[in-house]
Amino acid sequence: MAAGRRRKDHNRSGRRCISLILFVFIVAMSVQIVRVYQKDQEYAKKQDQLEAQLEAETVRQQELEAYRNYTQSQQYIEDIAKSKLGLAYEDEIIFKEIKNEGH
């Protein structure tokens, strides 16, 4: 009967050891899964930020392209000539506002 009891005790200690190893493995894997999930969330936020930044830069690029086209147009040349140089066409009439400081 002593031999049977040793086997049962040996089986119990073996099961406990295996259970402990399995428990430690599950805890370690759970910790790793949580870390990976957190990193995934961080990367998702970063991706959203970068996509918003890309969209803003795309809009800015379109605005700059429109401004570049405007600066290469005849209208831009005329606007600069009128505003900065005070030039006008021969048949053009220019009205200037006179400011009365006393009244």
PDB file of N, CA and C in Angstrom:
ATOM      1  N   MET A   1       0.799  -1.172   0.000  1.00  0.00           N
ATOM      2  CA  MET A   1       0.000   0.000   0.000  1.00  0.00           C
ATOM      3  C   MET A   1       0.862   1.263   0.000  1.00  0.00           C
ATOM      4  N   ALA A   2       2.024   1.180   0.515  1.00  0.00           N
ATOM      5  CA  ALA A   2       2.931   2.328   0.548  1.00  0.00           C
ATOM      6  C   ALA A   2       3.354   2.703  -0.861  1.00  0.00           C
ATOM      7  N   ALA A   3       3.511   1.712  -1.725  1.00  0.00           N
ATOM      8  CA  ALA A   3       3.920   2.001  -3.108  1.00  0.00           C
ATOM      9  C   ALA A   3       2.808   2.727  -3.841  1.00  0.00           C
ATOM     10  N   GLY A   4       1.562   2.334  -3.609  1.00  0.00           N
ATOM     11  CA  GLY A   4       0.426   3.000  -4.246  1.00  0.00           C
ATOM     12  C   GLY A   4       0.279   4.446  -3.771  1.00  0.00           C
ATOM     13  N   ARG A   5       0.573   4.643  -2.501  1.00  0.00           N
ATOM     14  CA  ARG A   5       0.464   5.990  -1.952  1.00  0.00           C
ATOM     15  C   ARG A   5       1.550   6.900  -2.522  1.00  0.00           C
ATOM     16  N   ARG A   6       2.745   6.363  -2.732  1.00  0.00           N
ATOM     17  CA  ARG A   6       3.827   7.154  -3.314  1.00  0.00           C
ATOM     18  C   ARG A   6       3.489   7.566  -4.736  1.00  0.00           C
ATOM     19  N   ARG A   7       2.854   6.673  -5.467  1.00  0.00           N
ATOM     20  CA  ARG A   7       2.463   6.999  -6.846  1.00  0.00           C
ATOM     21  C   ARG A   7       1.441   8.121  -6.858  1.00  0.00           C
ATOM     22  N   LYS A   8       0.454   8.046  -5.959  1.00  0.00           N
ATOM     23  CA  LYS A   8      -0.562   9.089  -5.899  1.00  0.00           C
ATOM     24  C   LYS A   8       0.069  10.425  -5.505  1.00  0.00           C
ATOM     25  N   ASP A   9       0.954  10.407  -4.500  1.00  0.00           N
ATOM     26  CA  ASP A   9       1.637  11.633  -4.096  1.00  0.00           C
ATOM     27  C   ASP A   9       2.507  12.157  -5.233  1.00  0.00           C
ATOM     28  N   HIS A  10       3.179  11.239  -5.944  1.00  0.00           N
ATOM     29  CA  HIS A  10       4.024  11.625  -7.071  1.00  0.00           C
ATOM     30  C   HIS A  10       3.159  12.204  -8.189  1.00  0.00           C
ATOM     31  N   ASN A  11       2.015  11.579  -8.446  1.00  0.00           N
ATOM     32  CA  ASN A  11       1.112  12.096  -9.482  1.00  0.00           C
ATOM     33  C   ASN A  11       0.573  13.467  -9.099  1.00  0.00           C
ATOM     34  N   ARG A  12       0.236  13.642  -7.821  1.00  0.00           N
ATOM     35  CA  ARG A  12      -0.279  14.939  -7.369  1.00  0.00           C
ATOM     36  C   ARG A  12       0.793  16.017  -7.506  1.00  0.00           C
ATOM     37  N   SER A  13       1.983  15.739  -7.086  1.00  0.00           N
ATOM     38  CA  SER A  13       3.050  16.736  -7.186  1.00  0.00           C
ATOM     39  C   SER A  13       3.388  17.007  -8.648  1.00  0.00           C
ATOM     40  N   GLY A  14       3.316  16.007  -9.500  1.00  0.00           N
ATOM     41  CA  GLY A  14       3.555  16.198 -10.934  1.00  0.00           C
ATOM     42  C   GLY A  14       2.479  17.073 -11.551  1.00  0.00           C
ATOM     43  N   ARG A  15       1.230  16.815 -11.159  1.00  0.00           N
ATOM     44  CA  ARG A  15       0.122  17.626 -11.674  1.00  0.00           C
ATOM     45  C   ARG A  15       0.243  19.061 -11.178  1.00  0.00           C
ATOM     46  N   ARG A  16       0.610  19.225  -9.931  1.00  0.00           N
ATOM     47  CA  ARG A  16       0.782  20.573  -9.395  1.00  0.00           C
ATOM     48  C   ARG A  16       1.897  21.304 -10.132  1.00  0.00           C
ATOM     49  N   CYS A  17       2.964  20.629 -10.379  1.00  0.00           N
ATOM     50  CA  CYS A  17       4.092  21.236 -11.097  1.00  0.00           C
ATOM     51  C   CYS A  17       3.667  21.639 -12.507  1.00  0.00           C
ATOM     52  N   ILE A  18       2.984  20.744 -13.191  1.00  0.00           N
ATOM     53  CA  ILE A  18       2.510  21.046 -14.553  1.00  0.00           C
ATOM     54  C   ILE A  18       1.499  22.178 -14.512  1.00  0.00           C
ATOM     55  N   SER A  19       0.607  22.144 -13.525  1.00  0.00           N
ATOM     56  CA  SER A  19      -0.393  23.217 -13.394  1.00  0.00           C
ATOM     57  C   SER A  19       0.294  24.557 -13.139  1.00  0.00           C
ATOM     58  N   LEU A  20       1.302  24.574 -12.289  1.00  0.00           N
ATOM     59  CA  LEU A  20       2.036  25.795 -11.994  1.00  0.00           C
ATOM     60  C   LEU A  20       2.738  26.325 -13.246  1.00  0.00           C
ATOM     61  N   ILE A  21       3.387  25.446 -13.977  1.00  0.00           N
ATOM     62  CA  ILE A  21       4.069  25.841 -15.218  1.00  0.00           C
ATOM     63  C   ILE A  21       3.061  26.389 -16.220  1.00  0.00           C
ATOM     64  N   LEU A  22       1.921  25.727 -16.351  1.00  0.00           N
ATOM     65  CA  LEU A  22       0.872  26.168 -17.263  1.00  0.00           C
ATOM     66  C   LEU A  22       0.324  27.535 -16.836  1.00  0.00           C
ATOM     67  N   PHE A  23       0.130  27.726 -15.535  1.00  0.00           N
ATOM     68  CA  PHE A  23      -0.366  28.996 -15.020  1.00  0.00           C
ATOM     69  C   PHE A  23       0.623  30.123 -15.312  1.00  0.00           C
ATOM     70  N   VAL A  24       1.895  29.888 -15.058  1.00  0.00           N
ATOM     71  CA  VAL A  24       2.923  30.893 -15.336  1.00  0.00           C
ATOM     72  C   VAL A  24       2.962  31.209 -16.826  1.00  0.00           C
ATOM     73  N   PHE A  25       2.853  30.210 -17.657  1.00  0.00           N
ATOM     74  CA  PHE A  25       2.843  30.402 -19.110  1.00  0.00           C
ATOM     75  C   PHE A  25       1.639  31.248 -19.528  1.00  0.00           C
ATOM     76  N   ILE A  26       0.474  30.964 -18.977  1.00  0.00           N
ATOM     77  CA  ILE A  26      -0.737  31.723 -19.329  1.00  0.00           C
ATOM     78  C   ILE A  26      -0.607  33.176 -18.876  1.00  0.00           C
ATOM     79  N   VAL A  27      -0.077  33.385 -17.672  1.00  0.00           N
ATOM     80  CA  VAL A  27       0.115  34.753 -17.186  1.00  0.00           C
ATOM     81  C   VAL A  27       1.101  35.504 -18.085  1.00  0.00           C
ATOM     82  N   ALA A  28       2.205  34.862 -18.443  1.00  0.00           N
ATOM     83  CA  ALA A  28       3.205  35.510 -19.301  1.00  0.00           C
ATOM     84  C   ALA A  28       2.607  35.850 -20.664  1.00  0.00           C
ATOM     85  N   MET A  29       1.843  34.955 -21.223  1.00  0.00           N
ATOM     86  CA  MET A  29       1.225  35.210 -22.532  1.00  0.00           C
ATOM     87  C   MET A  29       0.180  36.320 -22.421  1.00  0.00           C
ATOM     88  N   SER A  30      -0.555  36.353 -21.321  1.00  0.00           N
ATOM     89  CA  SER A  30      -1.552  37.407 -21.124  1.00  0.00           C
ATOM     90  C   SER A  30      -0.881  38.773 -21.050  1.00  0.00           C
ATOM     91  N   VAL A  31       0.216  38.844 -20.342  1.00  0.00           N
ATOM     92  CA  VAL A  31       0.956  40.106 -20.246  1.00  0.00           C
ATOM     93  C   VAL A  31       1.437  40.539 -21.628  1.00  0.00           C
ATOM     94  N   GLN A  32       1.945  39.614 -22.393  1.00  0.00           N
ATOM     95  CA  GLN A  32       2.423  39.940 -23.741  1.00  0.00           C
ATOM     96  C   GLN A  32       1.267  40.387 -24.636  1.00  0.00           C
ATOM     97  N   ILE A  33       0.133  39.743 -24.514  1.00  0.00           N
ATOM     98  CA  ILE A  33      -1.032  40.121 -25.325  1.00  0.00           C
ATOM     99  C   ILE A  33      -1.473  41.534 -24.980  1.00  0.00           C
ATOM    100  N   VAL A  34      -1.485  41.876 -23.691  1.00  0.00           N
ATOM    101  CA  VAL A  34      -1.863  43.222 -23.274  1.00  0.00           C
ATOM    102  C   VAL A  34      -0.872  44.241 -23.822  1.00  0.00           C
ATOM    103  N   ARG A  35       0.396  43.959 -23.765  1.00  0.00           N
ATOM    104  CA  ARG A  35       1.414  44.876 -24.309  1.00  0.00           C
ATOM    105  C   ARG A  35       1.245  45.081 -25.807  1.00  0.00           C
ATOM    106  N   VAL A  36       1.004  44.003 -26.524  1.00  0.00           N
ATOM    107  CA  VAL A  36       0.812  44.104 -27.971  1.00  0.00           C
ATOM    108  C   VAL A  36      -0.454  44.900 -28.282  1.00  0.00           C
ATOM    109  N   TYR A  37      -1.507  44.688 -27.502  1.00  0.00           N
ATOM    110  CA  TYR A  37      -2.742  45.432 -27.710  1.00  0.00           C
ATOM    111  C   TYR A  37      -2.512  46.924 -27.477  1.00  0.00           C
ATOM    112  N   GLN A  38      -1.779  47.270 -26.421  1.00  0.00           N
ATOM    113  CA  GLN A  38      -1.488  48.676 -26.146  1.00  0.00           C
ATOM    114  C   GLN A  38      -0.665  49.303 -27.266  1.00  0.00           C
ATOM    115  N   LYS A  39       0.322  48.583 -27.752  1.00  0.00           N
ATOM    116  CA  LYS A  39       1.134  49.097 -28.870  1.00  0.00           C
ATOM    117  C   LYS A  39       0.267  49.289 -30.106  1.00  0.00           C
ATOM    118  N   ASP A  40      -0.656  48.353 -30.334  1.00  0.00           N
ATOM    119  CA  ASP A  40      -1.554  48.460 -31.473  1.00  0.00           C
ATOM    120  C   ASP A  40      -2.407  49.716 -31.359  1.00  0.00           C
ATOM    121  N   GLN A  41      -2.896  50.003 -30.162  1.00  0.00           N
ATOM    122  CA  GLN A  41      -3.691  51.212 -29.943  1.00  0.00           C
ATOM    123  C   GLN A  41      -2.850  52.466 -30.192  1.00  0.00           C
ATOM    124  N   GLU A  42      -1.611  52.458 -29.728  1.00  0.00           N
ATOM    125  CA  GLU A  42      -0.721  53.596 -29.961  1.00  0.00           C
ATOM    126  C   GLU A  42      -0.474  53.798 -31.457  1.00  0.00           C
ATOM    127  N   TYR A  43      -0.240  52.706 -32.157  1.00  0.00           N
ATOM    128  CA  TYR A  43       0.011  52.808 -33.597  1.00  0.00           C
ATOM    129  C   TYR A  43      -1.238  53.272 -34.340  1.00  0.00           C
ATOM    130  N   ALA A  44      -2.409  52.863 -33.880  1.00  0.00           N
ATOM    131  CA  ALA A  44      -3.652  53.314 -34.518  1.00  0.00           C
ATOM    132  C   ALA A  44      -3.824  54.818 -34.333  1.00  0.00           C
ATOM    133  N   LYS A  45      -3.543  55.321 -33.128  1.00  0.00           N
ATOM    134  CA  LYS A  45      -3.620  56.765 -32.890  1.00  0.00           C
ATOM    135  C   LYS A  45      -2.616  57.508 -33.755  1.00  0.00           C
ATOM    136  N   LYS A  46      -1.405  56.991 -33.814  1.00  0.00           N
ATOM    137  CA  LYS A  46      -0.354  57.613 -34.627  1.00  0.00           C
ATOM    138  C   LYS A  46      -0.765  57.636 -36.099  1.00  0.00           C
ATOM    139  N   GLN A  47      -1.360  56.546 -36.559  1.00  0.00           N
ATOM    140  CA  GLN A  47      -1.800  56.479 -37.951  1.00  0.00           C
ATOM    141  C   GLN A  47      -2.891  57.512 -38.216  1.00  0.00           C
ATOM    142  N   ASP A  48      -3.837  57.668 -37.286  1.00  0.00           N
ATOM    143  CA  ASP A  48      -4.884  58.677 -37.449  1.00  0.00           C
ATOM    144  C   ASP A  48      -4.290  60.077 -37.507  1.00  0.00           C
ATOM    145  N   GLN A  49      -3.308  60.345 -36.641  1.00  0.00           N
ATOM    146  CA  GLN A  49      -2.654  61.652 -36.643  1.00  0.00           C
ATOM    147  C   GLN A  49      -1.934  61.901 -37.964  1.00  0.00           C
ATOM    148  N   LEU A  50      -1.241  60.886 -38.434  1.00  0.00           N
ATOM    149  CA  LEU A  50      -0.494  61.044 -39.689  1.00  0.00           C
ATOM    150  C   LEU A  50      -1.433  61.211 -40.878  1.00  0.00           C
ATOM    151  N   GLU A  51      -2.567  60.512 -40.856  1.00  0.00           N
ATOM    152  CA  GLU A  51      -3.531  60.662 -41.946  1.00  0.00           C
ATOM    153  C   GLU A  51      -4.128  62.065 -41.942  1.00  0.00           C
ATOM    154  N   ALA A  52      -4.416  62.601 -40.754  1.00  0.00           N
ATOM    155  CA  ALA A  52      -4.930  63.973 -40.655  1.00  0.00           C
ATOM    156  C   ALA A  52      -3.879  64.967 -41.141  1.00  0.00           C
ATOM    157  N   GLN A  53      -2.636  64.728 -40.765  1.00  0.00           N
ATOM    158  CA  GLN A  53      -1.544  65.600 -41.205  1.00  0.00           C
ATOM    159  C   GLN A  53      -1.378  65.519 -42.718  1.00  0.00           C
ATOM    160  N   LEU A  54      -1.499  64.331 -43.273  1.00  0.00           N
ATOM    161  CA  LEU A  54      -1.385  64.166 -44.723  1.00  0.00           C
ATOM    162  C   LEU A  54      -2.503  64.919 -45.431  1.00  0.00           C
ATOM    163  N   GLU A  55      -3.704  64.837 -44.891  1.00  0.00           N
ATOM    164  CA  GLU A  55      -4.828  65.541 -45.502  1.00  0.00           C
ATOM    165  C   GLU A  55      -4.614  67.054 -45.453  1.00  0.00           C
ATOM    166  N   ALA A  56      -4.137  67.547 -44.317  1.00  0.00           N
ATOM    167  CA  ALA A  56      -3.871  68.981 -44.186  1.00  0.00           C
ATOM    168  C   ALA A  56      -2.784  69.420 -45.161  1.00  0.00           C
ATOM    169  N   GLU A  57      -1.752  68.614 -45.286  1.00  0.00           N
ATOM    170  CA  GLU A  57      -0.662  68.963 -46.208  1.00  0.00           C
ATOM    171  C   GLU A  57      -1.120  68.879 -47.665  1.00  0.00           C
ATOM    172  N   THR A  58      -2.020  67.978 -47.961  1.00  0.00           N
ATOM    173  CA  THR A  58      -2.557  67.878 -49.320  1.00  0.00           C
ATOM    174  C   THR A  58      -3.348  69.135 -49.656  1.00  0.00           C
ATOM    175  N   VAL A  59      -4.172  69.592 -48.713  1.00  0.00           N
ATOM    176  CA  VAL A  59      -4.927  70.834 -48.915  1.00  0.00           C
ATOM    177  C   VAL A  59      -3.968  72.002 -49.083  1.00  0.00           C
ATOM    178  N   ARG A  60      -2.951  72.050 -48.246  1.00  0.00           N
ATOM    179  CA  ARG A  60      -1.947  73.125 -48.334  1.00  0.00           C
ATOM    180  C   ARG A  60      -1.240  73.090 -49.684  1.00  0.00           C
ATOM    181  N   GLN A  61      -0.920  71.903 -50.156  1.00  0.00           N
ATOM    182  CA  GLN A  61      -0.258  71.762 -51.453  1.00  0.00           C
ATOM    183  C   GLN A  61      -1.159  72.288 -52.568  1.00  0.00           C
ATOM    184  N   GLN A  62      -2.447  72.003 -52.480  1.00  0.00           N
ATOM    185  CA  GLN A  62      -3.383  72.498 -53.499  1.00  0.00           C
ATOM    186  C   GLN A  62      -3.473  74.022 -53.455  1.00  0.00           C
ATOM    187  N   GLU A  63      -3.487  74.574 -52.237  1.00  0.00           N
ATOM    188  CA  GLU A  63      -3.521  76.030 -52.112  1.00  0.00           C
ATOM    189  C   GLU A  63      -2.263  76.658 -52.690  1.00  0.00           C
ATOM    190  N   LEU A  64      -1.117  76.060 -52.397  1.00  0.00           N
ATOM    191  CA  LEU A  64       0.136  76.588 -52.939  1.00  0.00           C
ATOM    192  C   LEU A  64       0.181  76.473 -54.459  1.00  0.00           C
ATOM    193  N   GLU A  65      -0.348  75.396 -54.981  1.00  0.00           N
ATOM    194  CA  GLU A  65      -0.386  75.223 -56.442  1.00  0.00           C
ATOM    195  C   GLU A  65      -1.284  76.282 -57.069  1.00  0.00           C
ATOM    196  N   ALA A  66      -2.426  76.551 -56.439  1.00  0.00           N
ATOM    197  CA  ALA A  66      -3.329  77.590 -56.951  1.00  0.00           C
ATOM    198  C   ALA A  66      -2.648  78.959 -56.879  1.00  0.00           C
ATOM    199  N   TYR A  67      -1.936  79.232 -55.774  1.00  0.00           N
ATOM    200  CA  TYR A  67      -1.228  80.506 -55.650  1.00  0.00           C
ATOM    201  C   TYR A  67      -0.112  80.619 -56.689  1.00  0.00           C
ATOM    202  N   ARG A  68       0.592  79.524 -56.924  1.00  0.00           N
ATOM    203  CA  ARG A  68       1.652  79.527 -57.942  1.00  0.00           C
ATOM    204  C   ARG A  68       1.062  79.832 -59.319  1.00  0.00           C
ATOM    205  N   ASN A  69      -0.068  79.223 -59.628  1.00  0.00           N
ATOM    206  CA  ASN A  69      -0.714  79.495 -60.913  1.00  0.00           C
ATOM    207  C   ASN A  69      -1.157  80.952 -60.999  1.00  0.00           C
ATOM    208  N   TYR A  70      -1.657  81.478 -59.859  1.00  0.00           N
ATOM    209  CA  TYR A  70      -2.080  82.879 -59.845  1.00  0.00           C
ATOM    210  C   TYR A  70      -0.892  83.806 -60.058  1.00  0.00           C
ATOM    211  N   THR A  71       0.236  83.515 -59.409  1.00  0.00           N
ATOM    212  CA  THR A  71       1.397  84.399 -59.553  1.00  0.00           C
ATOM    213  C   THR A  71       1.984  84.357 -60.957  1.00  0.00           C
ATOM    214  N   GLN A  72       1.663  83.353 -61.718  1.00  0.00           N
ATOM    215  CA  GLN A  72       2.154  83.271 -63.093  1.00  0.00           C
ATOM    216  C   GLN A  72       1.133  83.816 -64.098  1.00  0.00           C
ATOM    217  N   SER A  73       0.026  84.347 -63.594  1.00  0.00           N
ATOM    218  CA  SER A  73      -1.034  84.824 -64.486  1.00  0.00           C
ATOM    219  C   SER A  73      -0.890  86.317 -64.770  1.00  0.00           C
ATOM    220  N   GLN A  74      -1.576  86.747 -65.779  1.00  0.00           N
ATOM    221  CA  GLN A  74      -1.599  88.166 -66.147  1.00  0.00           C
ATOM    222  C   GLN A  74      -2.308  88.976 -65.057  1.00  0.00           C
ATOM    223  N   GLN A  75      -3.320  88.413 -64.457  1.00  0.00           N
ATOM    224  CA  GLN A  75      -4.062  89.107 -63.395  1.00  0.00           C
ATOM    225  C   GLN A  75      -3.146  89.483 -62.232  1.00  0.00           C
ATOM    226  N   TYR A  76      -2.248  88.599 -61.854  1.00  0.00           N
ATOM    227  CA  TYR A  76      -1.310  88.873 -60.755  1.00  0.00           C
ATOM    228  C   TYR A  76      -0.400  90.039 -61.119  1.00  0.00           C
ATOM    229  N   ILE A  77       0.095  90.025 -62.334  1.00  0.00           N
ATOM    230  CA  ILE A  77       0.983  91.092 -62.794  1.00  0.00           C
ATOM    231  C   ILE A  77       0.253  92.438 -62.756  1.00  0.00           C
ATOM    232  N   GLU A  78      -0.986  92.452 -63.200  1.00  0.00           N
ATOM    233  CA  GLU A  78      -1.774  93.684 -63.171  1.00  0.00           C
ATOM    234  C   GLU A  78      -2.036  94.134 -61.736  1.00  0.00           C
ATOM    235  N   ASP A  79      -2.381  93.216 -60.870  1.00  0.00           N
ATOM    236  CA  ASP A  79      -2.649  93.565 -59.465  1.00  0.00           C
ATOM    237  C   ASP A  79      -1.418  94.165 -58.797  1.00  0.00           C
ATOM    238  N   ILE A  80      -0.261  93.577 -59.018  1.00  0.00           N
ATOM    239  CA  ILE A  80       0.978  94.098 -58.441  1.00  0.00           C
ATOM    240  C   ILE A  80       1.308  95.467 -59.034  1.00  0.00           C
ATOM    241  N   ALA A  81       1.136  95.594 -60.323  1.00  0.00           N
ATOM    242  CA  ALA A  81       1.428  96.875 -60.975  1.00  0.00           C
ATOM    243  C   ALA A  81       0.530  97.977 -60.428  1.00  0.00           C
ATOM    244  N   LYS A  82      -0.727  97.671 -60.174  1.00  0.00           N
ATOM    245  CA  LYS A  82      -1.656  98.681 -59.658  1.00  0.00           C
ATOM    246  C   LYS A  82      -1.390  98.978 -58.185  1.00  0.00           C
ATOM    247  N   SER A  83      -1.235  97.950 -57.374  1.00  0.00           N
ATOM    248  CA  SER A  83      -1.141  98.168 -55.931  1.00  0.00           C
ATOM    249  C   SER A  83       0.230  98.678 -55.496  1.00  0.00           C
ATOM    250  N   LYS A  84       1.284  98.145 -56.014  1.00  0.00           N
ATOM    251  CA  LYS A  84       2.614  98.516 -55.537  1.00  0.00           C
ATOM    252  C   LYS A  84       3.270  99.610 -56.366  1.00  0.00           C
ATOM    253  N   LEU A  85       2.998  99.611 -57.639  1.00  0.00           N
ATOM    254  CA  LEU A  85       3.654 100.589 -58.499  1.00  0.00           C
ATOM    255  C   LEU A  85       2.735 101.752 -58.884  1.00  0.00           C
ATOM    256  N   GLY A  86       1.449 101.615 -58.621  1.00  0.00           N
ATOM    257  CA  GLY A  86       0.511 102.687 -58.945  1.00  0.00           C
ATOM    258  C   GLY A  86       0.264 102.846 -60.432  1.00  0.00           C
ATOM    259  N   LEU A  87       0.511 101.834 -61.195  1.00  0.00           N
ATOM    260  CA  LEU A  87       0.312 101.905 -62.642  1.00  0.00           C
ATOM    261  C   LEU A  87      -1.138 101.621 -62.997  1.00  0.00           C
ATOM    262  N   ALA A  88      -1.544 102.092 -64.180  1.00  0.00           N
ATOM    263  CA  ALA A  88      -2.897 101.840 -64.674  1.00  0.00           C
ATOM    264  C   ALA A  88      -2.855 101.869 -66.199  1.00  0.00           C
ATOM    265  N   TYR A  89      -3.899 101.317 -66.788  1.00  0.00           N
ATOM    266  CA  TYR A  89      -4.015 101.391 -68.251  1.00  0.00           C
ATOM    267  C   TYR A  89      -4.344 102.830 -68.641  1.00  0.00           C
ATOM    268  N   GLU A  90      -4.077 103.178 -69.902  1.00  0.00           N
ATOM    269  CA  GLU A  90      -4.308 104.544 -70.371  1.00  0.00           C
ATOM    270  C   GLU A  90      -5.762 104.951 -70.246  1.00  0.00           C
ATOM    271  N   ASP A  91      -6.679 104.068 -70.558  1.00  0.00           N
ATOM    272  CA  ASP A  91      -8.103 104.412 -70.541  1.00  0.00           C
ATOM    273  C   ASP A  91      -8.778 104.104 -69.195  1.00  0.00           C
ATOM    274  N   GLU A  92      -7.997 103.816 -68.187  1.00  0.00           N
ATOM    275  CA  GLU A  92      -8.545 103.450 -66.889  1.00  0.00           C
ATOM    276  C   GLU A  92      -8.612 104.677 -65.980  1.00  0.00           C
ATOM    277  N   ILE A  93      -9.722 104.793 -65.251  1.00  0.00           N
ATOM    278  CA  ILE A  93      -9.902 105.913 -64.327  1.00  0.00           C
ATOM    279  C   ILE A  93      -9.701 105.385 -62.916  1.00  0.00           C
ATOM    280  N   ILE A  94      -8.902 106.093 -62.140  1.00  0.00           N
ATOM    281  CA  ILE A  94      -8.606 105.661 -60.777  1.00  0.00           C
ATOM    282  C   ILE A  94      -9.227 106.656 -59.812  1.00  0.00           C
ATOM    283  N   PHE A  95      -9.979 106.154 -58.857  1.00  0.00           N
ATOM    284  CA  PHE A  95     -10.571 106.996 -57.825  1.00  0.00           C
ATOM    285  C   PHE A  95      -9.825 106.750 -56.532  1.00  0.00           C
ATOM    286  N   LYS A  96      -9.472 107.832 -55.867  1.00  0.00           N
ATOM    287  CA  LYS A  96      -8.791 107.720 -54.582  1.00  0.00           C
ATOM    288  C   LYS A  96      -9.658 108.366 -53.524  1.00  0.00           C
ATOM    289  N   GLU A  97      -9.725 107.726 -52.369  1.00  0.00           N
ATOM    290  CA  GLU A  97     -10.524 108.243 -51.271  1.00  0.00           C
ATOM    291  C   GLU A  97      -9.719 109.289 -50.511  1.00  0.00           C
ATOM    292  N   ILE A  98     -10.368 110.393 -50.218  1.00  0.00           N
ATOM    293  CA  ILE A  98      -9.722 111.443 -49.445  1.00  0.00           C
ATOM    294  C   ILE A  98     -10.281 111.367 -48.046  1.00  0.00           C
ATOM    295  N   LYS A  99      -9.397 111.291 -47.096  1.00  0.00           N
ATOM    296  CA  LYS A  99      -9.816 111.167 -45.705  1.00  0.00           C
ATOM    297  C   LYS A  99      -9.819 112.549 -45.062  1.00  0.00           C
ATOM    298  N   ASN A 100     -10.939 112.900 -44.476  1.00  0.00           N
ATOM    299  CA  ASN A 100     -11.054 114.170 -43.733  1.00  0.00           C
ATOM    300  C   ASN A 100     -10.801 113.866 -42.276  1.00  0.00           C
ATOM    301  N   GLU A 101      -9.728 114.387 -41.767  1.00  0.00           N
ATOM    302  CA  GLU A 101      -9.360 114.077 -40.398  1.00  0.00           C
ATOM    303  C   GLU A 101     -10.073 114.990 -39.413  1.00  0.00           C
ATOM    304  N   GLY A 102     -10.493 116.140 -39.823  1.00  0.00           N
ATOM    305  CA  GLY A 102     -11.157 117.075 -38.933  1.00  0.00           C
ATOM    306  C   GLY A 102     -12.622 116.778 -38.771  1.00  0.00           C
ATOM    307  N   HIS A 103     -13.279 116.203 -39.730  1.00  0.00           N
ATOM    308  CA  HIS A 103     -14.729 116.018 -39.702  1.00  0.00           C
ATOM    309  C   HIS A 103     -15.089 114.602 -39.731  1.00  0.00           C
TER     310      HIS A 103
END
